[in-house]
């Protein structure tokens, strides 16, 4: 069975050959490629609609195959694996906000420092509370790390 890496390598090999052609020849190939991709996307869209109606578990199982998933992702017919880091950090902060607001406090994202650090600011009563370290470690940090396992450090800045 051919895997995704082998298929992508084969495509890359042809792209390298085509890159040496003149602009007119490349334009013809790009047009052909686009037309084939449009045909495939339409066919896959119809197939997904049909399979979804008949057997959603079969479709979910098919998407577990790396080649099927890769093609569907390429055609934007499945969602990417995870939302961007910024979005996930904001969602984690939204989880802890109700508790902080119940004490007239809040938290705001200051920065995401690649590759693994988030800076936040505790505001309102949370900024001067004696338990702010606990709020940071047991609330904010825990929420961020549960949604963003790639984050290793959460720092409170003034």
N, C-alpha and C. Protein backbone atom coordinates (compact mmCIF):
# COMPACT_ATOMS: atom_id res chain seq x y z
N UNK A 1 0.84 -1.18 0.00
CA UNK A 1 0.00 0.00 0.00
C UNK A 1 0.89 1.25 0.00
N UNK A 2 0.53 2.22 -0.78
CA UNK A 2 1.27 3.47 -0.87
C UNK A 2 0.85 4.39 0.26
N UNK A 3 1.85 5.02 0.92
CA UNK A 3 1.49 5.94 2.00
C UNK A 3 1.53 7.38 1.51
N UNK A 4 1.07 8.27 2.33
CA UNK A 4 0.98 9.68 1.97
C UNK A 4 2.34 10.27 1.62
N UNK A 5 3.35 9.93 2.37
CA UNK A 5 4.69 10.46 2.12
C UNK A 5 5.19 10.08 0.72
N UNK A 6 4.97 8.83 0.32
CA UNK A 6 5.38 8.40 -1.02
C UNK A 6 4.63 9.15 -2.11
N UNK A 7 3.34 9.36 -1.89
CA UNK A 7 2.55 10.08 -2.88
C UNK A 7 2.99 11.54 -3.00
N UNK A 8 3.25 12.17 -1.87
CA UNK A 8 3.70 13.57 -1.88
C UNK A 8 5.08 13.67 -2.53
N UNK A 9 5.95 12.72 -2.27
CA UNK A 9 7.27 12.70 -2.90
C UNK A 9 7.14 12.61 -4.42
N UNK A 10 6.24 11.79 -4.89
CA UNK A 10 6.01 11.64 -6.32
C UNK A 10 5.51 12.96 -6.93
N UNK A 11 4.59 13.61 -6.27
CA UNK A 11 4.08 14.90 -6.74
C UNK A 11 5.21 15.92 -6.77
N UNK A 12 6.02 15.95 -5.73
CA UNK A 12 7.14 16.89 -5.66
C UNK A 12 8.13 16.66 -6.80
N UNK A 13 8.33 15.42 -7.16
CA UNK A 13 9.24 15.08 -8.26
C UNK A 13 8.74 15.71 -9.57
N UNK A 14 7.44 15.59 -9.82
CA UNK A 14 6.87 16.18 -11.03
C UNK A 14 6.90 17.71 -10.97
N UNK A 15 6.64 18.26 -9.81
CA UNK A 15 6.69 19.73 -9.67
C UNK A 15 8.09 20.26 -9.96
N UNK A 16 9.12 19.51 -9.55
CA UNK A 16 10.50 19.93 -9.83
C UNK A 16 10.78 19.92 -11.33
N UNK A 17 10.27 18.94 -12.02
CA UNK A 17 10.45 18.87 -13.47
C UNK A 17 9.75 20.05 -14.15
N UNK A 18 8.51 20.28 -13.76
CA UNK A 18 7.70 21.34 -14.35
C UNK A 18 8.29 22.72 -14.07
N UNK A 19 8.92 22.88 -12.92
CA UNK A 19 9.47 24.19 -12.56
C UNK A 19 10.54 24.66 -13.54
N UNK A 20 11.12 23.74 -14.30
CA UNK A 20 12.15 24.09 -15.28
C UNK A 20 11.56 24.42 -16.66
N UNK A 21 10.27 24.23 -16.84
CA UNK A 21 9.62 24.52 -18.11
C UNK A 21 9.40 26.03 -18.25
N UNK A 22 9.11 26.45 -19.47
CA UNK A 22 8.83 27.87 -19.66
C UNK A 22 7.44 28.20 -19.11
N UNK A 23 7.18 29.49 -18.98
CA UNK A 23 5.97 29.96 -18.32
C UNK A 23 4.69 29.48 -19.00
N UNK A 24 4.67 29.42 -20.30
CA UNK A 24 3.49 28.97 -21.03
C UNK A 24 3.19 27.50 -20.74
N UNK A 25 4.23 26.68 -20.76
CA UNK A 25 4.03 25.26 -20.47
C UNK A 25 3.58 25.07 -19.02
N UNK A 26 4.19 25.80 -18.10
CA UNK A 26 3.77 25.69 -16.68
C UNK A 26 2.33 26.13 -16.51
N UNK A 27 1.94 27.19 -17.24
CA UNK A 27 0.55 27.68 -17.16
C UNK A 27 -0.45 26.62 -17.59
N UNK A 28 -0.13 25.87 -18.64
CA UNK A 28 -1.01 24.80 -19.10
C UNK A 28 -1.13 23.72 -18.03
N UNK A 29 -0.01 23.35 -17.44
CA UNK A 29 -0.03 22.30 -16.41
C UNK A 29 -0.80 22.78 -15.18
N UNK A 30 -0.60 24.03 -14.79
CA UNK A 30 -1.32 24.57 -13.63
C UNK A 30 -2.83 24.59 -13.90
N UNK A 31 -3.22 24.97 -15.12
CA UNK A 31 -4.64 24.96 -15.48
C UNK A 31 -5.22 23.56 -15.44
N UNK A 32 -4.48 22.59 -15.97
CA UNK A 32 -4.93 21.20 -15.94
C UNK A 32 -5.04 20.71 -14.50
N UNK A 33 -4.04 21.01 -13.70
CA UNK A 33 -4.06 20.61 -12.29
C UNK A 33 -5.29 21.19 -11.57
N UNK A 34 -5.55 22.47 -11.80
CA UNK A 34 -6.69 23.13 -11.15
C UNK A 34 -8.00 22.47 -11.58
N UNK A 35 -8.14 22.17 -12.86
CA UNK A 35 -9.37 21.54 -13.36
C UNK A 35 -9.56 20.15 -12.75
N UNK A 36 -8.48 19.38 -12.66
CA UNK A 36 -8.56 18.05 -12.05
C UNK A 36 -8.91 18.16 -10.57
N UNK A 37 -8.28 19.11 -9.87
CA UNK A 37 -8.58 19.30 -8.45
C UNK A 37 -10.03 19.72 -8.23
N UNK A 38 -10.55 20.60 -9.08
CA UNK A 38 -11.95 21.01 -8.96
C UNK A 38 -12.89 19.82 -9.16
N UNK A 39 -12.57 18.97 -10.16
CA UNK A 39 -13.36 17.77 -10.39
C UNK A 39 -13.32 16.85 -9.18
N UNK A 40 -12.14 16.63 -8.64
CA UNK A 40 -11.99 15.76 -7.47
C UNK A 40 -12.72 16.32 -6.26
N UNK A 41 -12.62 17.62 -6.05
CA UNK A 41 -13.28 18.23 -4.89
C UNK A 41 -14.80 18.06 -5.00
N UNK A 42 -15.35 18.29 -6.19
CA UNK A 42 -16.79 18.13 -6.38
C UNK A 42 -17.21 16.67 -6.16
N UNK A 43 -16.43 15.75 -6.70
CA UNK A 43 -16.74 14.32 -6.52
C UNK A 43 -16.66 13.93 -5.05
N UNK A 44 -15.63 14.37 -4.37
CA UNK A 44 -15.46 14.05 -2.95
C UNK A 44 -16.58 14.67 -2.11
N UNK A 45 -16.97 15.88 -2.45
CA UNK A 45 -18.07 16.54 -1.72
C UNK A 45 -19.35 15.72 -1.85
N UNK A 46 -19.65 15.29 -3.05
CA UNK A 46 -20.86 14.48 -3.26
C UNK A 46 -20.76 13.13 -2.56
N UNK A 47 -19.58 12.53 -2.61
CA UNK A 47 -19.37 11.24 -1.94
C UNK A 47 -19.56 11.38 -0.43
N UNK A 48 -18.99 12.42 0.14
CA UNK A 48 -19.12 12.64 1.58
C UNK A 48 -20.58 12.82 1.97
N UNK A 49 -21.31 13.63 1.21
CA UNK A 49 -22.74 13.83 1.50
C UNK A 49 -23.49 12.51 1.48
N UNK A 50 -23.21 11.69 0.49
CA UNK A 50 -23.88 10.40 0.35
C UNK A 50 -23.52 9.46 1.49
N UNK A 51 -22.24 9.33 1.78
CA UNK A 51 -21.79 8.42 2.83
C UNK A 51 -22.28 8.90 4.20
N UNK A 52 -22.29 10.20 4.41
CA UNK A 52 -22.78 10.75 5.68
C UNK A 52 -24.22 10.32 5.95
N UNK A 53 -25.04 10.35 4.91
CA UNK A 53 -26.45 9.96 5.05
C UNK A 53 -26.59 8.48 5.33
N UNK A 54 -25.73 7.68 4.74
CA UNK A 54 -25.84 6.23 4.87
C UNK A 54 -25.13 5.70 6.12
N UNK A 55 -23.91 6.20 6.36
CA UNK A 55 -23.12 5.63 7.44
C UNK A 55 -22.04 6.61 7.91
N UNK A 56 -22.39 7.43 8.87
CA UNK A 56 -21.44 8.38 9.43
C UNK A 56 -20.22 7.66 10.03
N UNK A 57 -20.39 6.53 10.74
CA UNK A 57 -19.22 5.83 11.26
C UNK A 57 -18.25 5.38 10.16
N UNK A 58 -18.77 4.97 9.01
CA UNK A 58 -17.89 4.57 7.91
C UNK A 58 -17.06 5.76 7.42
N UNK A 59 -17.69 6.92 7.35
CA UNK A 59 -16.98 8.12 6.92
C UNK A 59 -15.91 8.49 7.95
N UNK A 60 -16.27 8.44 9.23
CA UNK A 60 -15.30 8.75 10.28
C UNK A 60 -14.12 7.79 10.25
N UNK A 61 -14.40 6.54 9.97
CA UNK A 61 -13.34 5.53 9.87
C UNK A 61 -12.44 5.81 8.66
N UNK A 62 -13.04 6.19 7.54
CA UNK A 62 -12.25 6.48 6.33
C UNK A 62 -11.32 7.66 6.55
N UNK A 63 -11.76 8.65 7.29
CA UNK A 63 -10.96 9.86 7.53
C UNK A 63 -9.75 9.55 8.41
N UNK A 64 -9.77 8.44 9.09
CA UNK A 64 -8.60 8.05 9.91
C UNK A 64 -7.42 7.65 9.04
N UNK A 65 -7.68 7.29 7.78
CA UNK A 65 -6.61 6.95 6.84
C UNK A 65 -5.87 8.23 6.47
N UNK A 66 -4.53 8.22 6.57
CA UNK A 66 -3.76 9.44 6.34
C UNK A 66 -3.89 9.99 4.92
N UNK A 67 -4.03 9.12 3.94
CA UNK A 67 -4.17 9.58 2.56
C UNK A 67 -5.54 10.22 2.37
N UNK A 68 -6.58 9.56 2.84
CA UNK A 68 -7.94 10.12 2.73
C UNK A 68 -7.99 11.45 3.47
N UNK A 69 -7.49 11.48 4.69
CA UNK A 69 -7.51 12.72 5.47
C UNK A 69 -6.72 13.82 4.77
N UNK A 70 -5.54 13.49 4.26
CA UNK A 70 -4.71 14.48 3.59
C UNK A 70 -5.40 15.10 2.38
N UNK A 71 -6.05 14.27 1.58
CA UNK A 71 -6.75 14.78 0.40
C UNK A 71 -7.96 15.62 0.81
N UNK A 72 -8.72 15.15 1.78
CA UNK A 72 -9.88 15.92 2.23
C UNK A 72 -9.45 17.25 2.85
N UNK A 73 -8.37 17.24 3.58
CA UNK A 73 -7.84 18.47 4.17
C UNK A 73 -7.37 19.43 3.07
N UNK A 74 -6.69 18.90 2.08
CA UNK A 74 -6.21 19.70 0.95
C UNK A 74 -7.38 20.42 0.27
N UNK A 75 -8.48 19.71 0.12
CA UNK A 75 -9.66 20.27 -0.53
C UNK A 75 -10.57 21.01 0.46
N UNK A 76 -10.09 21.16 1.69
CA UNK A 76 -10.84 21.86 2.76
C UNK A 76 -12.20 21.22 3.02
N UNK A 77 -12.25 19.90 2.96
CA UNK A 77 -13.49 19.17 3.22
C UNK A 77 -13.53 18.60 4.63
N UNK A 78 -12.43 18.71 5.36
CA UNK A 78 -12.39 18.38 6.79
C UNK A 78 -11.69 19.53 7.50
N UNK A 79 -11.92 19.62 8.78
CA UNK A 79 -11.30 20.67 9.57
C UNK A 79 -9.85 20.31 9.88
N UNK A 80 -9.01 21.34 10.00
CA UNK A 80 -7.63 21.06 10.42
C UNK A 80 -7.64 20.47 11.82
N UNK A 81 -6.56 19.81 12.21
CA UNK A 81 -6.55 19.10 13.48
C UNK A 81 -6.80 19.96 14.72
N UNK A 82 -6.23 21.15 14.78
CA UNK A 82 -6.41 21.99 15.97
C UNK A 82 -6.55 23.44 15.54
N UNK A 83 -7.31 24.19 16.32
CA UNK A 83 -7.33 25.63 16.06
C UNK A 83 -5.95 26.22 16.38
N UNK A 84 -5.68 27.42 15.88
CA UNK A 84 -4.40 28.05 16.19
C UNK A 84 -4.20 28.24 17.69
N UNK A 85 -2.94 28.30 18.08
CA UNK A 85 -2.58 28.42 19.49
C UNK A 85 -3.26 29.62 20.15
N UNK A 86 -3.23 30.77 19.50
CA UNK A 86 -3.85 31.97 20.08
C UNK A 86 -5.31 31.71 20.41
N UNK A 87 -6.02 31.10 19.51
CA UNK A 87 -7.44 30.81 19.72
C UNK A 87 -7.64 29.86 20.89
N UNK A 88 -6.78 28.86 21.00
CA UNK A 88 -6.91 27.89 22.09
C UNK A 88 -6.57 28.54 23.44
N UNK A 89 -5.56 29.42 23.47
CA UNK A 89 -5.22 30.11 24.72
C UNK A 89 -6.38 31.01 25.14
N UNK A 90 -6.95 31.74 24.19
CA UNK A 90 -8.09 32.61 24.51
C UNK A 90 -9.27 31.79 25.05
N UNK A 91 -9.51 30.62 24.46
CA UNK A 91 -10.60 29.76 24.93
C UNK A 91 -10.34 29.29 26.37
N UNK A 92 -9.08 28.98 26.67
CA UNK A 92 -8.73 28.56 28.04
C UNK A 92 -8.95 29.70 29.02
N UNK A 93 -8.59 30.91 28.63
CA UNK A 93 -8.80 32.06 29.51
C UNK A 93 -10.30 32.31 29.71
N UNK A 94 -11.08 32.10 28.66
CA UNK A 94 -12.53 32.26 28.78
C UNK A 94 -13.13 31.28 29.79
N UNK A 95 -12.50 30.11 29.94
CA UNK A 95 -12.98 29.11 30.90
C UNK A 95 -12.83 29.59 32.34
N UNK A 96 -11.75 30.32 32.63
CA UNK A 96 -11.50 30.73 34.02
C UNK A 96 -12.09 32.09 34.35
N UNK A 97 -12.49 32.84 33.35
CA UNK A 97 -13.00 34.19 33.58
C UNK A 97 -14.20 34.25 34.53
N UNK A 98 -15.19 33.37 34.40
CA UNK A 98 -16.34 33.48 35.32
C UNK A 98 -15.92 33.43 36.79
N UNK A 99 -15.00 32.54 37.14
CA UNK A 99 -14.53 32.47 38.53
C UNK A 99 -13.81 33.72 38.95
N UNK A 100 -12.99 34.25 38.07
CA UNK A 100 -12.25 35.48 38.38
C UNK A 100 -13.20 36.66 38.51
N UNK A 101 -14.17 36.74 37.62
CA UNK A 101 -15.12 37.86 37.64
C UNK A 101 -16.01 37.82 38.88
N UNK A 102 -16.24 36.62 39.40
CA UNK A 102 -17.04 36.52 40.63
C UNK A 102 -16.33 37.15 41.81
N UNK A 103 -15.03 37.41 41.66
CA UNK A 103 -14.23 38.10 42.70
C UNK A 103 -13.77 39.46 42.20
N UNK A 104 -14.49 40.00 41.21
CA UNK A 104 -14.17 41.31 40.61
C UNK A 104 -12.78 41.35 40.00
N UNK A 105 -12.38 40.25 39.39
CA UNK A 105 -11.09 40.20 38.72
C UNK A 105 -11.25 39.71 37.30
N UNK A 106 -10.13 39.61 36.63
CA UNK A 106 -10.13 39.10 35.25
C UNK A 106 -8.69 38.76 34.89
N UNK A 107 -8.52 38.25 33.69
CA UNK A 107 -7.20 37.93 33.17
C UNK A 107 -7.16 38.33 31.71
N UNK A 108 -6.01 38.82 31.28
CA UNK A 108 -5.86 39.14 29.86
C UNK A 108 -4.56 38.54 29.34
N UNK A 109 -4.59 38.15 28.09
CA UNK A 109 -3.41 37.61 27.44
C UNK A 109 -2.51 38.78 27.06
N UNK A 110 -1.24 38.71 27.48
CA UNK A 110 -0.27 39.74 27.14
C UNK A 110 0.52 39.31 25.90
N UNK A 111 1.03 38.08 25.93
CA UNK A 111 1.85 37.61 24.80
C UNK A 111 1.96 36.10 24.81
N UNK A 112 2.20 35.57 23.63
CA UNK A 112 2.59 34.17 23.48
C UNK A 112 4.02 34.22 22.97
N UNK A 113 4.92 33.67 23.76
CA UNK A 113 6.34 33.68 23.40
C UNK A 113 6.73 32.27 22.97
N UNK A 114 7.01 32.15 21.68
CA UNK A 114 7.38 30.85 21.13
C UNK A 114 8.63 30.33 21.82
N UNK A 115 8.76 29.06 22.03
CA UNK A 115 7.83 28.03 21.58
C UNK A 115 6.83 27.60 22.64
N UNK A 116 7.01 28.01 23.92
CA UNK A 116 6.20 27.35 24.94
C UNK A 116 5.80 28.21 26.13
N UNK A 117 5.77 29.52 25.98
CA UNK A 117 5.49 30.40 27.12
C UNK A 117 4.33 31.34 26.80
N UNK A 118 3.49 31.54 27.79
CA UNK A 118 2.38 32.48 27.69
C UNK A 118 2.52 33.49 28.83
N UNK A 119 2.35 34.76 28.50
CA UNK A 119 2.33 35.81 29.52
C UNK A 119 0.91 36.32 29.65
N UNK A 120 0.46 36.43 30.90
CA UNK A 120 -0.88 36.93 31.18
C UNK A 120 -0.79 38.02 32.23
N UNK A 121 -1.86 38.79 32.33
CA UNK A 121 -1.94 39.82 33.36
C UNK A 121 -3.23 39.59 34.14
N UNK A 122 -3.09 39.44 35.44
CA UNK A 122 -4.26 39.39 36.31
C UNK A 122 -4.69 40.84 36.53
N UNK A 123 -5.98 41.11 36.39
CA UNK A 123 -6.46 42.48 36.54
C UNK A 123 -7.60 42.52 37.55
N UNK A 124 -7.96 43.73 37.95
CA UNK A 124 -8.99 43.90 38.96
C UNK A 124 -8.45 43.45 40.31
N UNK A 125 -9.31 42.92 41.14
CA UNK A 125 -8.89 42.50 42.48
C UNK A 125 -7.91 41.34 42.44
N UNK A 126 -7.89 40.60 41.33
CA UNK A 126 -6.96 39.47 41.21
C UNK A 126 -5.50 39.92 41.15
N UNK A 127 -5.27 41.16 40.71
CA UNK A 127 -3.89 41.63 40.56
C UNK A 127 -3.21 41.86 41.90
N UNK A 128 -3.97 42.17 42.93
CA UNK A 128 -3.37 42.45 44.24
C UNK A 128 -3.79 41.47 45.32
N UNK A 129 -4.48 40.44 44.95
CA UNK A 129 -4.98 39.46 45.92
C UNK A 129 -3.82 38.61 46.47
N UNK A 130 -3.84 38.31 47.77
CA UNK A 130 -2.80 37.45 48.33
C UNK A 130 -2.78 36.05 47.71
N UNK A 131 -3.90 35.63 47.15
CA UNK A 131 -3.97 34.31 46.55
C UNK A 131 -3.73 34.34 45.04
N UNK A 132 -3.17 35.44 44.52
CA UNK A 132 -2.99 35.56 43.08
C UNK A 132 -2.06 34.49 42.51
N UNK A 133 -1.05 34.08 43.27
CA UNK A 133 -0.17 33.00 42.80
C UNK A 133 -0.94 31.70 42.65
N UNK A 134 -1.82 31.45 43.58
CA UNK A 134 -2.65 30.24 43.52
C UNK A 134 -3.63 30.34 42.35
N UNK A 135 -4.23 31.52 42.17
CA UNK A 135 -5.13 31.74 41.04
C UNK A 135 -4.40 31.48 39.73
N UNK A 136 -3.17 31.97 39.65
CA UNK A 136 -2.38 31.78 38.43
C UNK A 136 -2.09 30.31 38.20
N UNK A 137 -1.54 29.63 39.21
CA UNK A 137 -1.09 28.25 39.00
C UNK A 137 -2.25 27.25 38.93
N UNK A 138 -3.22 27.38 39.82
CA UNK A 138 -4.30 26.40 39.87
C UNK A 138 -5.47 26.72 38.95
N UNK A 139 -5.56 27.96 38.51
CA UNK A 139 -6.66 28.33 37.63
C UNK A 139 -6.21 28.57 36.22
N UNK A 140 -5.53 29.69 36.03
CA UNK A 140 -5.15 30.13 34.69
C UNK A 140 -4.17 29.16 34.03
N UNK A 141 -3.09 28.85 34.72
CA UNK A 141 -2.06 27.97 34.14
C UNK A 141 -2.63 26.59 33.82
N UNK A 142 -3.38 26.04 34.74
CA UNK A 142 -3.96 24.71 34.53
C UNK A 142 -4.91 24.71 33.32
N UNK A 143 -5.71 25.76 33.19
CA UNK A 143 -6.65 25.84 32.07
C UNK A 143 -5.90 25.92 30.74
N UNK A 144 -4.87 26.75 30.69
CA UNK A 144 -4.10 26.90 29.45
C UNK A 144 -3.41 25.59 29.09
N UNK A 145 -2.76 24.97 30.06
CA UNK A 145 -2.01 23.74 29.78
C UNK A 145 -2.93 22.58 29.39
N UNK A 146 -4.16 22.58 29.89
CA UNK A 146 -5.08 21.49 29.53
C UNK A 146 -5.52 21.60 28.07
N UNK A 147 -5.61 22.82 27.56
CA UNK A 147 -6.03 23.03 26.18
C UNK A 147 -4.83 23.11 25.23
N UNK A 148 -3.69 23.53 25.76
CA UNK A 148 -2.48 23.74 24.95
C UNK A 148 -1.31 23.01 25.60
N UNK A 149 -1.21 21.71 25.40
CA UNK A 149 -0.15 20.95 26.07
C UNK A 149 1.26 21.37 25.67
N UNK A 150 1.39 22.09 24.56
CA UNK A 150 2.71 22.55 24.16
C UNK A 150 3.21 23.73 25.00
N UNK A 151 2.33 24.35 25.77
CA UNK A 151 2.72 25.45 26.65
C UNK A 151 3.27 24.87 27.95
N UNK A 152 4.50 25.27 28.26
CA UNK A 152 5.18 24.75 29.46
C UNK A 152 5.18 25.79 30.59
N UNK A 153 5.15 27.08 30.25
CA UNK A 153 5.28 28.13 31.26
C UNK A 153 4.21 29.18 31.07
N UNK A 154 3.56 29.53 32.18
CA UNK A 154 2.60 30.64 32.18
C UNK A 154 3.12 31.64 33.21
N UNK A 155 3.35 32.86 32.76
CA UNK A 155 3.95 33.89 33.59
C UNK A 155 2.95 35.03 33.76
N UNK A 156 2.81 35.51 35.00
CA UNK A 156 1.99 36.69 35.26
C UNK A 156 2.89 37.92 35.20
N UNK A 157 2.51 38.90 34.39
CA UNK A 157 3.26 40.14 34.29
C UNK A 157 2.40 41.27 34.85
N UNK A 158 3.06 42.34 35.26
CA UNK A 158 2.34 43.50 35.82
C UNK A 158 1.92 44.44 34.73
